[in-house]
């Protein structure tokens, strides 16, 4: 077992677009690779980067940025009707074929990635050996109810800032972003200051908010 993790980056053509990916370790070993599905939707892979450490146990780990975020093709001009679970299922299928892992692979999805993984698994794709779902809601209705309950416990001025900018459509305002971070520090990542991988994922949402805003 080697402690050195070798990462190889590439891009898979997906119609007129490109999906960025990175393979940590080497494909073709005895253990089937695992594909990591990040959350959001629209939050790039960086915050789940630590899963690459699984490659130390001789299992290739595949990270990729879903279309519309991170290093993949950004499409800020696309409307809500473009961004569907079916689009991301097709993108994942395309990546599996591009990497030549149809003989066998695992999927691990975190948050939205777990929801996407479940949608993908029920299509019974050839080669899928297992699905691991991490931190994903089983019911969006219950998730929204609980998120609203947690939000109601925030300081009054933070709640007012969030509501005011959401109603005005100015969620790119610095004050709104700061108020959002109050919620994130309590309920998303309690390691403060955030690890750089988490900070980068959040920063990418600010730079490219299309998918996150339209699908949340």
N, C-alpha and C. Protein backbone atom coordinates (compact mmCIF):
# COMPACT_ATOMS: atom_id res chain seq x y z
N UNK A 1 0.84 -1.19 0.00
CA UNK A 1 0.00 0.00 0.00
C UNK A 1 0.88 1.24 0.00
N UNK A 2 0.75 2.09 -0.99
CA UNK A 2 1.56 3.29 -1.10
C UNK A 2 0.87 4.45 -0.41
N UNK A 3 1.66 5.32 0.29
CA UNK A 3 1.09 6.49 0.95
C UNK A 3 1.00 7.67 0.00
N UNK A 4 1.70 7.60 -1.12
CA UNK A 4 1.67 8.70 -2.09
C UNK A 4 0.43 8.56 -2.98
N UNK A 5 -0.30 9.66 -3.10
CA UNK A 5 -1.50 9.67 -3.93
C UNK A 5 -1.21 10.43 -5.21
N UNK A 6 -1.30 9.73 -6.32
CA UNK A 6 -1.06 10.36 -7.62
C UNK A 6 -2.40 10.72 -8.24
N UNK A 7 -2.58 11.98 -8.57
CA UNK A 7 -3.82 12.44 -9.17
C UNK A 7 -3.64 12.79 -10.63
N UNK A 8 -4.55 12.34 -11.46
CA UNK A 8 -4.53 12.64 -12.89
C UNK A 8 -5.82 13.35 -13.27
N UNK A 9 -5.69 14.55 -13.82
CA UNK A 9 -6.86 15.33 -14.20
C UNK A 9 -7.15 15.19 -15.68
N UNK A 10 -8.41 15.39 -16.03
CA UNK A 10 -8.80 15.33 -17.43
C UNK A 10 -10.15 15.97 -17.63
N UNK A 11 -10.60 15.96 -18.88
CA UNK A 11 -11.91 16.50 -19.22
C UNK A 11 -12.62 15.51 -20.14
N UNK A 12 -13.87 15.24 -19.83
CA UNK A 12 -14.69 14.35 -20.65
C UNK A 12 -15.67 15.18 -21.45
N UNK A 13 -15.66 15.01 -22.77
CA UNK A 13 -16.63 15.71 -23.60
C UNK A 13 -18.03 15.21 -23.27
N UNK A 14 -18.95 16.14 -23.08
CA UNK A 14 -20.34 15.81 -22.77
C UNK A 14 -21.21 16.67 -23.68
N UNK A 15 -21.48 16.14 -24.87
CA UNK A 15 -22.14 16.94 -25.88
C UNK A 15 -21.26 18.12 -26.25
N UNK A 16 -21.81 19.31 -26.16
CA UNK A 16 -21.05 20.52 -26.46
C UNK A 16 -20.27 21.02 -25.25
N UNK A 17 -20.33 20.30 -24.13
CA UNK A 17 -19.74 20.76 -22.88
C UNK A 17 -18.61 19.83 -22.44
N UNK A 18 -18.00 20.17 -21.30
CA UNK A 18 -16.92 19.34 -20.76
C UNK A 18 -17.11 19.15 -19.26
N UNK A 19 -16.83 17.94 -18.82
CA UNK A 19 -16.84 17.60 -17.40
C UNK A 19 -15.40 17.42 -16.93
N UNK A 20 -14.99 18.24 -15.97
CA UNK A 20 -13.65 18.08 -15.39
C UNK A 20 -13.68 16.94 -14.38
N UNK A 21 -12.59 16.16 -14.37
CA UNK A 21 -12.49 15.08 -13.39
C UNK A 21 -11.04 14.90 -12.95
N UNK A 22 -10.87 14.22 -11.83
CA UNK A 22 -9.54 13.85 -11.35
C UNK A 22 -9.61 12.43 -10.81
N UNK A 23 -8.67 11.61 -11.23
CA UNK A 23 -8.55 10.24 -10.73
C UNK A 23 -7.37 10.20 -9.77
N UNK A 24 -7.64 9.87 -8.51
CA UNK A 24 -6.58 9.67 -7.52
C UNK A 24 -6.30 8.18 -7.43
N UNK A 25 -5.03 7.81 -7.59
CA UNK A 25 -4.70 6.40 -7.71
C UNK A 25 -4.75 5.98 -9.16
N UNK A 26 -4.78 4.68 -9.38
CA UNK A 26 -4.75 4.16 -10.74
C UNK A 26 -5.95 3.27 -11.02
N UNK A 27 -6.58 3.54 -12.16
CA UNK A 27 -7.67 2.67 -12.60
C UNK A 27 -7.10 1.34 -13.08
N UNK A 28 -7.89 0.31 -12.99
CA UNK A 28 -7.44 -0.99 -13.48
C UNK A 28 -6.93 -1.92 -12.41
N UNK A 29 -6.99 -1.48 -11.14
CA UNK A 29 -6.55 -2.35 -10.06
C UNK A 29 -7.60 -3.39 -9.71
N UNK A 30 -7.30 -4.20 -8.69
CA UNK A 30 -8.23 -5.25 -8.28
C UNK A 30 -9.50 -4.68 -7.67
N UNK A 31 -9.40 -3.55 -6.98
CA UNK A 31 -10.56 -2.95 -6.33
C UNK A 31 -11.26 -2.00 -7.30
N UNK A 32 -12.58 -2.09 -7.33
CA UNK A 32 -13.36 -1.21 -8.20
C UNK A 32 -13.24 0.24 -7.72
N UNK A 33 -13.13 1.19 -8.62
CA UNK A 33 -13.00 2.59 -8.23
C UNK A 33 -14.30 3.12 -7.63
N UNK A 34 -14.19 4.24 -6.91
CA UNK A 34 -15.37 4.89 -6.34
C UNK A 34 -15.49 6.29 -6.94
N UNK A 35 -16.68 6.62 -7.39
CA UNK A 35 -16.97 7.93 -7.97
C UNK A 35 -17.65 8.78 -6.90
N UNK A 36 -17.12 9.97 -6.64
CA UNK A 36 -17.64 10.86 -5.61
C UNK A 36 -18.58 11.89 -6.24
N UNK A 37 -19.80 11.95 -5.73
CA UNK A 37 -20.78 12.93 -6.20
C UNK A 37 -20.90 14.04 -5.16
N UNK A 38 -20.50 15.25 -5.53
CA UNK A 38 -20.55 16.36 -4.58
C UNK A 38 -21.97 16.91 -4.44
N UNK A 39 -22.14 17.79 -3.48
CA UNK A 39 -23.45 18.33 -3.19
C UNK A 39 -23.74 19.66 -3.86
N UNK A 40 -24.69 20.34 -3.28
CA UNK A 40 -25.12 21.64 -3.81
C UNK A 40 -26.64 21.68 -3.97
N UNK A 41 -27.11 21.44 -5.20
CA UNK A 41 -26.33 21.31 -6.44
C UNK A 41 -25.53 22.59 -6.72
N UNK A 42 -24.40 22.42 -7.35
CA UNK A 42 -23.59 23.56 -7.74
C UNK A 42 -22.45 23.89 -6.81
N UNK A 43 -22.14 23.00 -5.84
CA UNK A 43 -21.01 23.22 -4.93
C UNK A 43 -19.89 22.27 -5.37
N UNK A 44 -18.81 22.82 -5.87
CA UNK A 44 -17.76 22.02 -6.50
C UNK A 44 -17.13 21.01 -5.53
N UNK A 45 -16.31 20.14 -6.09
CA UNK A 45 -15.82 18.94 -5.41
C UNK A 45 -14.90 19.20 -4.23
N UNK A 46 -14.34 20.40 -4.12
CA UNK A 46 -13.23 20.64 -3.20
C UNK A 46 -13.50 20.19 -1.77
N UNK A 47 -14.71 20.46 -1.27
CA UNK A 47 -15.00 20.20 0.15
C UNK A 47 -15.06 18.70 0.47
N UNK A 48 -15.23 17.86 -0.54
CA UNK A 48 -15.19 16.41 -0.31
C UNK A 48 -13.88 15.81 -0.84
N UNK A 49 -12.87 16.65 -0.95
CA UNK A 49 -11.60 16.22 -1.51
C UNK A 49 -10.92 15.14 -0.69
N UNK A 50 -11.19 15.12 0.63
CA UNK A 50 -10.50 14.17 1.51
C UNK A 50 -10.78 12.72 1.16
N UNK A 51 -11.85 12.45 0.42
CA UNK A 51 -12.12 11.07 0.02
C UNK A 51 -11.00 10.49 -0.85
N UNK A 52 -10.15 11.36 -1.39
CA UNK A 52 -9.04 10.85 -2.20
C UNK A 52 -8.09 9.98 -1.37
N UNK A 53 -8.15 10.13 -0.04
CA UNK A 53 -7.28 9.33 0.82
C UNK A 53 -7.60 7.84 0.73
N UNK A 54 -8.80 7.51 0.25
CA UNK A 54 -9.12 6.09 0.04
C UNK A 54 -8.17 5.44 -0.96
N UNK A 55 -7.55 6.27 -1.80
CA UNK A 55 -6.61 5.73 -2.79
C UNK A 55 -5.39 5.11 -2.12
N UNK A 56 -5.13 5.45 -0.87
CA UNK A 56 -4.01 4.84 -0.16
C UNK A 56 -4.23 3.36 0.09
N UNK A 57 -5.47 2.92 -0.05
CA UNK A 57 -5.79 1.50 0.10
C UNK A 57 -6.02 0.85 -1.25
N UNK A 58 -5.33 1.40 -2.23
CA UNK A 58 -5.30 0.80 -3.58
C UNK A 58 -6.67 0.76 -4.25
N UNK A 59 -7.47 1.79 -3.98
CA UNK A 59 -8.74 1.93 -4.68
C UNK A 59 -8.76 3.31 -5.34
N UNK A 60 -8.90 3.35 -6.64
CA UNK A 60 -8.95 4.63 -7.34
C UNK A 60 -10.18 5.42 -6.91
N UNK A 61 -9.99 6.72 -6.75
CA UNK A 61 -11.07 7.62 -6.34
C UNK A 61 -11.25 8.68 -7.42
N UNK A 62 -12.48 8.81 -7.89
CA UNK A 62 -12.77 9.73 -8.98
C UNK A 62 -13.62 10.89 -8.46
N UNK A 63 -13.04 12.08 -8.48
CA UNK A 63 -13.79 13.30 -8.21
C UNK A 63 -14.12 13.96 -9.55
N UNK A 64 -15.26 14.62 -9.60
CA UNK A 64 -15.54 15.46 -10.77
C UNK A 64 -16.44 16.60 -10.36
N UNK A 65 -16.39 17.67 -11.15
CA UNK A 65 -17.29 18.80 -10.94
C UNK A 65 -18.47 18.65 -11.88
N UNK A 66 -19.65 18.62 -11.30
CA UNK A 66 -20.85 18.51 -12.13
C UNK A 66 -20.98 19.74 -13.02
N UNK A 67 -21.60 19.55 -14.15
CA UNK A 67 -21.79 20.63 -15.12
C UNK A 67 -22.33 21.88 -14.43
N UNK A 68 -21.76 23.03 -14.80
CA UNK A 68 -22.24 24.30 -14.27
C UNK A 68 -21.49 24.80 -13.05
N UNK A 69 -20.48 24.05 -12.58
CA UNK A 69 -19.74 24.54 -11.42
C UNK A 69 -18.29 24.09 -11.48
N UNK A 70 -17.48 24.70 -10.63
CA UNK A 70 -16.08 24.31 -10.52
C UNK A 70 -15.32 24.46 -11.81
N UNK A 71 -14.61 23.39 -12.18
CA UNK A 71 -13.77 23.40 -13.37
C UNK A 71 -14.48 22.91 -14.63
N UNK A 72 -15.72 22.49 -14.50
CA UNK A 72 -16.48 22.04 -15.67
C UNK A 72 -17.10 23.23 -16.39
N UNK A 73 -17.72 22.98 -17.53
CA UNK A 73 -18.31 24.06 -18.31
C UNK A 73 -19.36 24.80 -17.49
N UNK A 74 -19.24 26.12 -17.46
CA UNK A 74 -20.20 26.97 -16.75
C UNK A 74 -21.22 27.49 -17.76
N UNK A 75 -22.47 27.47 -17.39
CA UNK A 75 -23.53 27.87 -18.31
C UNK A 75 -24.48 28.84 -17.62
N UNK A 76 -24.00 30.05 -17.32
CA UNK A 76 -24.82 31.01 -16.57
C UNK A 76 -26.06 31.47 -17.32
N UNK A 77 -26.07 31.25 -18.64
CA UNK A 77 -27.22 31.69 -19.43
C UNK A 77 -28.39 30.72 -19.40
N UNK A 78 -28.17 29.52 -18.88
CA UNK A 78 -29.22 28.50 -18.88
C UNK A 78 -30.24 28.76 -17.77
N UNK A 79 -31.51 28.48 -18.08
CA UNK A 79 -32.58 28.66 -17.11
C UNK A 79 -32.87 27.41 -16.32
N UNK A 80 -33.87 27.50 -15.45
CA UNK A 80 -34.17 26.41 -14.53
C UNK A 80 -34.58 25.13 -15.25
N UNK A 81 -35.19 25.25 -16.42
CA UNK A 81 -35.65 24.06 -17.13
C UNK A 81 -34.51 23.21 -17.66
N UNK A 82 -33.31 23.79 -17.74
CA UNK A 82 -32.14 23.05 -18.23
C UNK A 82 -31.56 22.15 -17.15
N UNK A 83 -31.60 22.64 -15.91
CA UNK A 83 -30.91 21.96 -14.80
C UNK A 83 -31.85 20.95 -14.15
N UNK A 84 -31.75 19.72 -14.57
CA UNK A 84 -32.62 18.65 -14.08
C UNK A 84 -31.77 17.48 -13.58
N UNK A 85 -32.31 16.64 -12.68
CA UNK A 85 -31.58 15.44 -12.29
C UNK A 85 -31.19 14.58 -13.48
N UNK A 86 -32.06 14.52 -14.49
CA UNK A 86 -31.74 13.72 -15.67
C UNK A 86 -30.48 14.17 -16.37
N UNK A 87 -30.24 15.49 -16.40
CA UNK A 87 -29.02 16.01 -17.01
C UNK A 87 -27.80 15.46 -16.30
N UNK A 88 -27.83 15.48 -14.97
CA UNK A 88 -26.67 15.05 -14.20
C UNK A 88 -26.50 13.53 -14.21
N UNK A 89 -27.60 12.79 -14.35
CA UNK A 89 -27.49 11.35 -14.54
C UNK A 89 -26.81 11.05 -15.86
N UNK A 90 -27.21 11.74 -16.91
CA UNK A 90 -26.58 11.55 -18.22
C UNK A 90 -25.10 11.90 -18.17
N UNK A 91 -24.77 12.97 -17.44
CA UNK A 91 -23.37 13.37 -17.33
C UNK A 91 -22.56 12.30 -16.63
N UNK A 92 -23.11 11.72 -15.56
CA UNK A 92 -22.40 10.67 -14.83
C UNK A 92 -22.21 9.43 -15.70
N UNK A 93 -23.25 9.03 -16.41
CA UNK A 93 -23.14 7.89 -17.32
C UNK A 93 -22.05 8.14 -18.36
N UNK A 94 -22.00 9.35 -18.88
CA UNK A 94 -21.00 9.71 -19.88
C UNK A 94 -19.59 9.61 -19.29
N UNK A 95 -19.43 10.06 -18.04
CA UNK A 95 -18.12 10.01 -17.40
C UNK A 95 -17.68 8.57 -17.17
N UNK A 96 -18.61 7.72 -16.73
CA UNK A 96 -18.29 6.31 -16.52
C UNK A 96 -17.76 5.68 -17.82
N UNK A 97 -18.43 5.96 -18.92
CA UNK A 97 -17.99 5.41 -20.20
C UNK A 97 -16.65 6.02 -20.63
N UNK A 98 -16.49 7.32 -20.41
CA UNK A 98 -15.24 7.99 -20.79
C UNK A 98 -14.05 7.38 -20.06
N UNK A 99 -14.23 7.05 -18.79
CA UNK A 99 -13.14 6.51 -17.99
C UNK A 99 -12.96 5.00 -18.17
N UNK A 100 -13.89 4.37 -18.86
CA UNK A 100 -13.77 2.94 -19.12
C UNK A 100 -13.91 2.08 -17.89
N UNK A 101 -14.82 2.45 -16.97
CA UNK A 101 -14.98 1.70 -15.72
C UNK A 101 -16.31 0.96 -15.67
N UNK A 102 -16.92 0.75 -16.81
CA UNK A 102 -18.23 0.11 -16.86
C UNK A 102 -18.21 -1.31 -16.28
N UNK A 103 -17.02 -1.92 -16.20
CA UNK A 103 -16.92 -3.28 -15.67
C UNK A 103 -17.24 -3.34 -14.18
N UNK A 104 -17.14 -2.20 -13.49
CA UNK A 104 -17.45 -2.20 -12.07
C UNK A 104 -16.98 -0.94 -11.37
N UNK A 105 -17.87 -0.30 -10.61
CA UNK A 105 -17.52 0.92 -9.89
C UNK A 105 -18.53 1.13 -8.75
N UNK A 106 -18.09 1.89 -7.76
CA UNK A 106 -18.95 2.29 -6.64
C UNK A 106 -19.28 3.77 -6.77
N UNK A 107 -20.36 4.20 -6.15
CA UNK A 107 -20.73 5.61 -6.11
C UNK A 107 -20.93 6.02 -4.66
N UNK A 108 -20.35 7.16 -4.29
CA UNK A 108 -20.56 7.77 -2.98
C UNK A 108 -21.06 9.18 -3.20
N UNK A 109 -22.26 9.48 -2.71
CA UNK A 109 -22.83 10.80 -2.89
C UNK A 109 -23.08 11.49 -1.57
N UNK A 110 -22.67 12.76 -1.48
CA UNK A 110 -22.84 13.54 -0.26
C UNK A 110 -23.89 14.62 -0.49
N UNK A 111 -24.86 14.74 0.43
CA UNK A 111 -25.92 15.74 0.36
C UNK A 111 -26.69 15.59 -0.95
N UNK A 112 -26.75 16.64 -1.78
CA UNK A 112 -27.39 16.51 -3.09
C UNK A 112 -26.79 15.36 -3.87
N UNK A 113 -25.50 15.12 -3.70
CA UNK A 113 -24.85 14.02 -4.40
C UNK A 113 -25.47 12.67 -4.05
N UNK A 114 -25.91 12.51 -2.80
CA UNK A 114 -26.59 11.28 -2.41
C UNK A 114 -27.95 11.15 -3.07
N UNK A 115 -28.64 12.27 -3.20
CA UNK A 115 -29.93 12.27 -3.89
C UNK A 115 -29.74 11.91 -5.36
N UNK A 116 -28.71 12.51 -5.98
CA UNK A 116 -28.39 12.19 -7.37
C UNK A 116 -28.00 10.72 -7.50
N UNK A 117 -27.20 10.24 -6.54
CA UNK A 117 -26.80 8.84 -6.58
C UNK A 117 -27.98 7.89 -6.51
N UNK A 118 -28.98 8.23 -5.69
CA UNK A 118 -30.17 7.39 -5.59
C UNK A 118 -30.95 7.40 -6.89
N UNK A 119 -31.10 8.59 -7.48
CA UNK A 119 -31.78 8.69 -8.78
C UNK A 119 -31.05 7.86 -9.84
N UNK A 120 -29.73 7.89 -9.75
CA UNK A 120 -28.91 7.14 -10.71
C UNK A 120 -29.05 5.64 -10.49
N UNK A 121 -29.02 5.22 -9.23
CA UNK A 121 -29.04 3.79 -8.92
C UNK A 121 -30.32 3.12 -9.38
N UNK A 122 -31.46 3.82 -9.29
CA UNK A 122 -32.72 3.18 -9.66
C UNK A 122 -32.84 2.96 -11.16
N UNK A 123 -31.93 3.55 -11.95
CA UNK A 123 -31.90 3.25 -13.39
C UNK A 123 -31.17 1.94 -13.66
N UNK A 124 -30.60 1.34 -12.60
CA UNK A 124 -29.86 0.07 -12.69
C UNK A 124 -28.74 0.13 -13.74
N UNK A 125 -27.83 1.09 -13.57
CA UNK A 125 -26.75 1.23 -14.55
C UNK A 125 -25.80 0.03 -14.52
N UNK A 126 -25.36 -0.37 -15.67
CA UNK A 126 -24.42 -1.48 -15.76
C UNK A 126 -23.13 -1.14 -15.05
N UNK A 127 -22.66 -2.04 -14.20
CA UNK A 127 -21.38 -1.87 -13.53
C UNK A 127 -21.45 -1.30 -12.13
N UNK A 128 -22.60 -0.73 -11.74
CA UNK A 128 -22.70 -0.14 -10.40
C UNK A 128 -22.72 -1.24 -9.35
N UNK A 129 -21.71 -1.24 -8.47
CA UNK A 129 -21.59 -2.26 -7.44
C UNK A 129 -22.23 -1.86 -6.12
N UNK A 130 -22.17 -0.57 -5.79
CA UNK A 130 -22.77 -0.12 -4.53
C UNK A 130 -23.00 1.37 -4.58
N UNK A 131 -23.89 1.81 -3.71
CA UNK A 131 -24.17 3.24 -3.53
C UNK A 131 -24.07 3.57 -2.05
N UNK A 132 -23.25 4.55 -1.71
CA UNK A 132 -23.16 5.07 -0.34
C UNK A 132 -23.75 6.47 -0.33
N UNK A 133 -24.73 6.68 0.55
CA UNK A 133 -25.38 7.99 0.67
C UNK A 133 -24.95 8.62 1.98
N UNK A 134 -24.39 9.83 1.91
CA UNK A 134 -23.88 10.52 3.09
C UNK A 134 -24.56 11.87 3.25
N UNK A 135 -25.20 12.08 4.42
CA UNK A 135 -25.76 13.40 4.77
C UNK A 135 -26.81 13.89 3.78
N UNK A 136 -27.63 12.98 3.29
CA UNK A 136 -28.64 13.35 2.30
C UNK A 136 -30.04 13.24 2.90
N UNK A 137 -30.94 14.17 2.57
CA UNK A 137 -32.30 14.09 3.10
C UNK A 137 -33.12 13.02 2.40
N UNK A 138 -33.93 12.32 3.17
CA UNK A 138 -34.86 11.36 2.58
C UNK A 138 -36.16 12.04 2.18
N UNK A 139 -36.42 13.21 2.78
CA UNK A 139 -37.64 13.97 2.49
C UNK A 139 -37.28 15.45 2.41
N UNK A 140 -37.46 16.08 1.25
CA UNK A 140 -37.17 17.50 1.13
C UNK A 140 -38.13 18.33 1.97
N UNK A 141 -39.37 17.85 2.13
CA UNK A 141 -40.33 18.58 2.95
C UNK A 141 -39.83 18.69 4.38
N UNK A 142 -39.36 17.57 4.94
CA UNK A 142 -38.84 17.59 6.30
C UNK A 142 -37.54 18.39 6.39
N UNK A 143 -36.72 18.30 5.34
CA UNK A 143 -35.45 19.05 5.34
C UNK A 143 -35.72 20.54 5.39
N UNK A 144 -36.65 21.01 4.57
CA UNK A 144 -36.98 22.44 4.54
C UNK A 144 -37.55 22.88 5.89
N UNK A 145 -38.43 22.06 6.46
CA UNK A 145 -39.00 22.40 7.76
C UNK A 145 -37.91 22.55 8.82
N UNK A 146 -36.97 21.62 8.83
CA UNK A 146 -35.90 21.66 9.83
C UNK A 146 -34.95 22.82 9.57
N UNK A 147 -34.62 23.09 8.30
CA UNK A 147 -33.75 24.22 7.98
C UNK A 147 -34.39 25.53 8.42
N UNK A 148 -35.69 25.65 8.23
CA UNK A 148 -36.39 26.87 8.66
C UNK A 148 -36.40 26.99 10.18
N UNK A 149 -36.51 25.84 10.87
CA UNK A 149 -36.47 25.88 12.33
C UNK A 149 -35.11 26.35 12.83
N UNK A 150 -34.05 25.83 12.22
CA UNK A 150 -32.70 26.25 12.60
C UNK A 150 -32.46 27.72 12.27
N UNK A 151 -33.00 28.15 11.14
CA UNK A 151 -32.84 29.56 10.75
C UNK A 151 -33.55 30.47 11.75
N UNK A 152 -34.67 30.03 12.28
CA UNK A 152 -35.43 30.84 13.24
C UNK A 152 -34.68 31.02 14.55
N UNK A 153 -33.66 30.20 14.80
CA UNK A 153 -32.85 30.32 16.02
C UNK A 153 -31.66 31.26 15.83
N UNK A 154 -31.45 31.77 14.62
CA UNK A 154 -30.35 32.71 14.38
C UNK A 154 -30.66 34.05 15.03
N UNK A 155 -29.63 34.87 15.30
CA UNK A 155 -29.90 36.22 15.82
C UNK A 155 -30.86 36.98 14.92
N UNK A 156 -31.68 37.84 15.53
CA UNK A 156 -32.73 38.54 14.80
C UNK A 156 -32.17 39.36 13.64
N UNK A 157 -31.02 40.01 13.84
CA UNK A 157 -30.47 40.84 12.76
C UNK A 157 -30.00 39.99 11.59
N UNK A 158 -29.51 38.79 11.87
CA UNK A 158 -29.09 37.89 10.79
C UNK A 158 -30.31 37.43 10.00
N UNK A 159 -31.37 37.06 10.70
CA UNK A 159 -32.59 36.65 10.01
C UNK A 159 -33.14 37.78 9.14
N UNK A 160 -33.12 38.99 9.68
CA UNK A 160 -33.64 40.14 8.93
C UNK A 160 -32.83 40.38 7.66
N UNK A 161 -31.51 40.25 7.76
CA UNK A 161 -30.65 40.44 6.59
C UNK A 161 -30.93 39.39 5.53
N UNK A 162 -31.06 38.15 5.94
CA UNK A 162 -31.35 37.08 4.99
C UNK A 162 -32.68 37.33 4.28
N UNK A 163 -33.71 37.62 5.05
CA UNK A 163 -35.04 37.81 4.47
C UNK A 163 -35.08 39.01 3.54
N UNK A 164 -34.47 40.11 3.96
CA UNK A 164 -34.51 41.34 3.17
C UNK A 164 -33.86 41.14 1.81
N UNK A 165 -32.70 40.51 1.78
CA UNK A 165 -32.00 40.34 0.51
C UNK A 165 -32.66 39.27 -0.36
N UNK A 166 -33.24 38.25 0.25
CA UNK A 166 -33.95 37.24 -0.54
C UNK A 166 -35.18 37.84 -1.21
N UNK A 167 -35.89 38.69 -0.49
CA UNK A 167 -37.06 39.33 -1.07
C UNK A 167 -36.69 40.33 -2.16
N UNK A 168 -35.53 40.96 -2.01
CA UNK A 168 -35.07 41.96 -2.99
C UNK A 168 -34.32 41.33 -4.16
N UNK A 169 -34.01 40.04 -4.05
CA UNK A 169 -33.24 39.38 -5.10
C UNK A 169 -31.79 39.81 -5.13
N UNK A 170 -31.24 40.21 -3.98
CA UNK A 170 -29.86 40.70 -3.91
C UNK A 170 -29.01 39.75 -3.08
N UNK A 171 -29.13 38.47 -3.36
CA UNK A 171 -28.40 37.48 -2.57
C UNK A 171 -26.90 37.47 -2.85
N UNK A 172 -26.46 38.26 -3.85
CA UNK A 172 -25.03 38.39 -4.10
C UNK A 172 -24.41 39.50 -3.26
N UNK A 173 -25.22 40.19 -2.48
CA UNK A 173 -24.73 41.27 -1.63
C UNK A 173 -23.83 40.72 -0.52
N UNK A 174 -22.78 41.48 -0.19
CA UNK A 174 -21.82 41.02 0.82
C UNK A 174 -22.48 40.80 2.18
N UNK A 175 -23.47 41.63 2.51
CA UNK A 175 -24.15 41.47 3.80
C UNK A 175 -24.92 40.16 3.85
N UNK A 176 -25.53 39.80 2.73
CA UNK A 176 -26.25 38.52 2.68
C UNK A 176 -25.29 37.36 2.80
N UNK A 177 -24.15 37.45 2.12
CA UNK A 177 -23.16 36.38 2.19
C UNK A 177 -22.64 36.21 3.61
N UNK A 178 -22.44 37.33 4.30
CA UNK A 178 -21.96 37.26 5.68
C UNK A 178 -23.01 36.62 6.59
N UNK A 179 -24.28 36.97 6.37
CA UNK A 179 -25.35 36.37 7.17
C UNK A 179 -25.47 34.88 6.90
N UNK A 180 -25.28 34.49 5.66
CA UNK A 180 -25.32 33.08 5.30
C UNK A 180 -24.23 32.30 6.03
N UNK A 181 -23.06 32.92 6.17
CA UNK A 181 -21.95 32.26 6.84
C UNK A 181 -22.25 32.00 8.32
N UNK A 182 -23.08 32.84 8.92
CA UNK A 182 -23.47 32.60 10.31
C UNK A 182 -24.20 31.26 10.41
N UNK A 183 -25.11 31.02 9.47
CA UNK A 183 -25.83 29.75 9.44
C UNK A 183 -24.87 28.60 9.15
N UNK A 184 -23.99 28.79 8.16
CA UNK A 184 -23.06 27.73 7.77
C UNK A 184 -22.16 27.33 8.93
N UNK A 185 -21.68 28.32 9.70
CA UNK A 185 -20.77 28.02 10.79
C UNK A 185 -21.46 27.25 11.92
N UNK A 186 -22.76 27.40 12.02
CA UNK A 186 -23.51 26.68 13.05
C UNK A 186 -23.95 25.29 12.59
N UNK A 187 -24.30 25.17 11.31
CA UNK A 187 -25.02 23.98 10.88
C UNK A 187 -24.44 23.26 9.66
N UNK A 188 -23.41 23.80 9.03
CA UNK A 188 -22.83 23.15 7.85
C UNK A 188 -21.43 22.65 8.16
N UNK A 189 -20.56 23.53 8.63
CA UNK A 189 -19.19 23.14 8.99
C UNK A 189 -18.81 23.87 10.27
N UNK A 190 -18.61 23.11 11.33
CA UNK A 190 -18.31 23.72 12.63
C UNK A 190 -16.82 23.86 12.88
N UNK A 191 -16.00 23.51 11.92
CA UNK A 191 -14.57 23.75 12.02
C UNK A 191 -14.33 25.18 11.54
N UNK A 192 -14.04 26.08 12.48
CA UNK A 192 -13.87 27.49 12.16
C UNK A 192 -12.48 27.93 12.62
N UNK A 193 -11.68 28.56 11.74
CA UNK A 193 -12.01 28.89 10.35
C UNK A 193 -12.18 27.63 9.50
N UNK A 194 -12.96 27.78 8.42
CA UNK A 194 -13.21 26.65 7.55
C UNK A 194 -11.91 26.12 6.96
N UNK A 195 -11.80 24.80 6.77
CA UNK A 195 -10.68 24.26 6.00
C UNK A 195 -10.65 24.90 4.61
N UNK A 196 -9.47 25.04 4.02
CA UNK A 196 -9.38 25.71 2.71
C UNK A 196 -10.23 25.07 1.64
N UNK A 197 -10.41 23.74 1.71
CA UNK A 197 -11.22 23.06 0.70
C UNK A 197 -12.69 23.50 0.78
N UNK A 198 -13.18 23.68 2.00
CA UNK A 198 -14.55 24.14 2.20
C UNK A 198 -14.69 25.59 1.74
N UNK A 199 -13.71 26.42 2.11
CA UNK A 199 -13.73 27.82 1.71
C UNK A 199 -13.76 27.96 0.20
N UNK A 200 -12.98 27.15 -0.49
CA UNK A 200 -12.94 27.23 -1.95
C UNK A 200 -14.26 26.81 -2.57
N UNK A 201 -14.89 25.78 -2.04
CA UNK A 201 -16.20 25.37 -2.57
C UNK A 201 -17.23 26.48 -2.41
N UNK A 202 -17.26 27.11 -1.23
CA UNK A 202 -18.20 28.21 -1.02
C UNK A 202 -17.88 29.39 -1.93
N UNK A 203 -16.58 29.67 -2.10
CA UNK A 203 -16.19 30.80 -2.96
C UNK A 203 -16.62 30.56 -4.40
N UNK A 204 -16.55 29.31 -4.84
CA UNK A 204 -16.96 29.01 -6.21
C UNK A 204 -18.46 29.20 -6.40
N UNK A 205 -19.25 28.94 -5.35
CA UNK A 205 -20.69 29.19 -5.45
C UNK A 205 -20.95 30.68 -5.63
N UNK A 206 -20.20 31.51 -4.92
CA UNK A 206 -20.36 32.96 -5.05
C UNK A 206 -19.99 33.41 -6.46
N UNK A 207 -18.92 32.84 -7.00
CA UNK A 207 -18.48 33.23 -8.36
C UNK A 207 -19.42 32.71 -9.43
N UNK A 208 -19.94 31.51 -9.23
CA UNK A 208 -20.78 30.87 -10.25
C UNK A 208 -22.04 30.31 -9.58
N UNK A 209 -23.01 31.16 -9.26
CA UNK A 209 -24.16 30.73 -8.45
C UNK A 209 -25.32 30.13 -9.23
N UNK A 210 -25.21 30.02 -10.55
CA UNK A 210 -26.37 29.66 -11.38
C UNK A 210 -27.06 28.39 -10.90
N UNK A 211 -26.32 27.29 -10.86
CA UNK A 211 -26.93 26.00 -10.53
C UNK A 211 -27.46 26.01 -9.10
N UNK A 212 -26.68 26.53 -8.18
CA UNK A 212 -27.09 26.55 -6.78
C UNK A 212 -28.38 27.34 -6.60
N UNK A 213 -28.46 28.50 -7.22
CA UNK A 213 -29.63 29.35 -7.05
C UNK A 213 -30.87 28.77 -7.72
N UNK A 214 -30.70 28.16 -8.88
CA UNK A 214 -31.86 27.68 -9.64
C UNK A 214 -32.39 26.34 -9.14
N UNK A 215 -31.54 25.54 -8.48
CA UNK A 215 -31.97 24.21 -8.06
C UNK A 215 -32.21 24.09 -6.56
N UNK A 216 -32.04 25.18 -5.82
CA UNK A 216 -32.29 25.16 -4.38
C UNK A 216 -33.51 26.01 -4.04
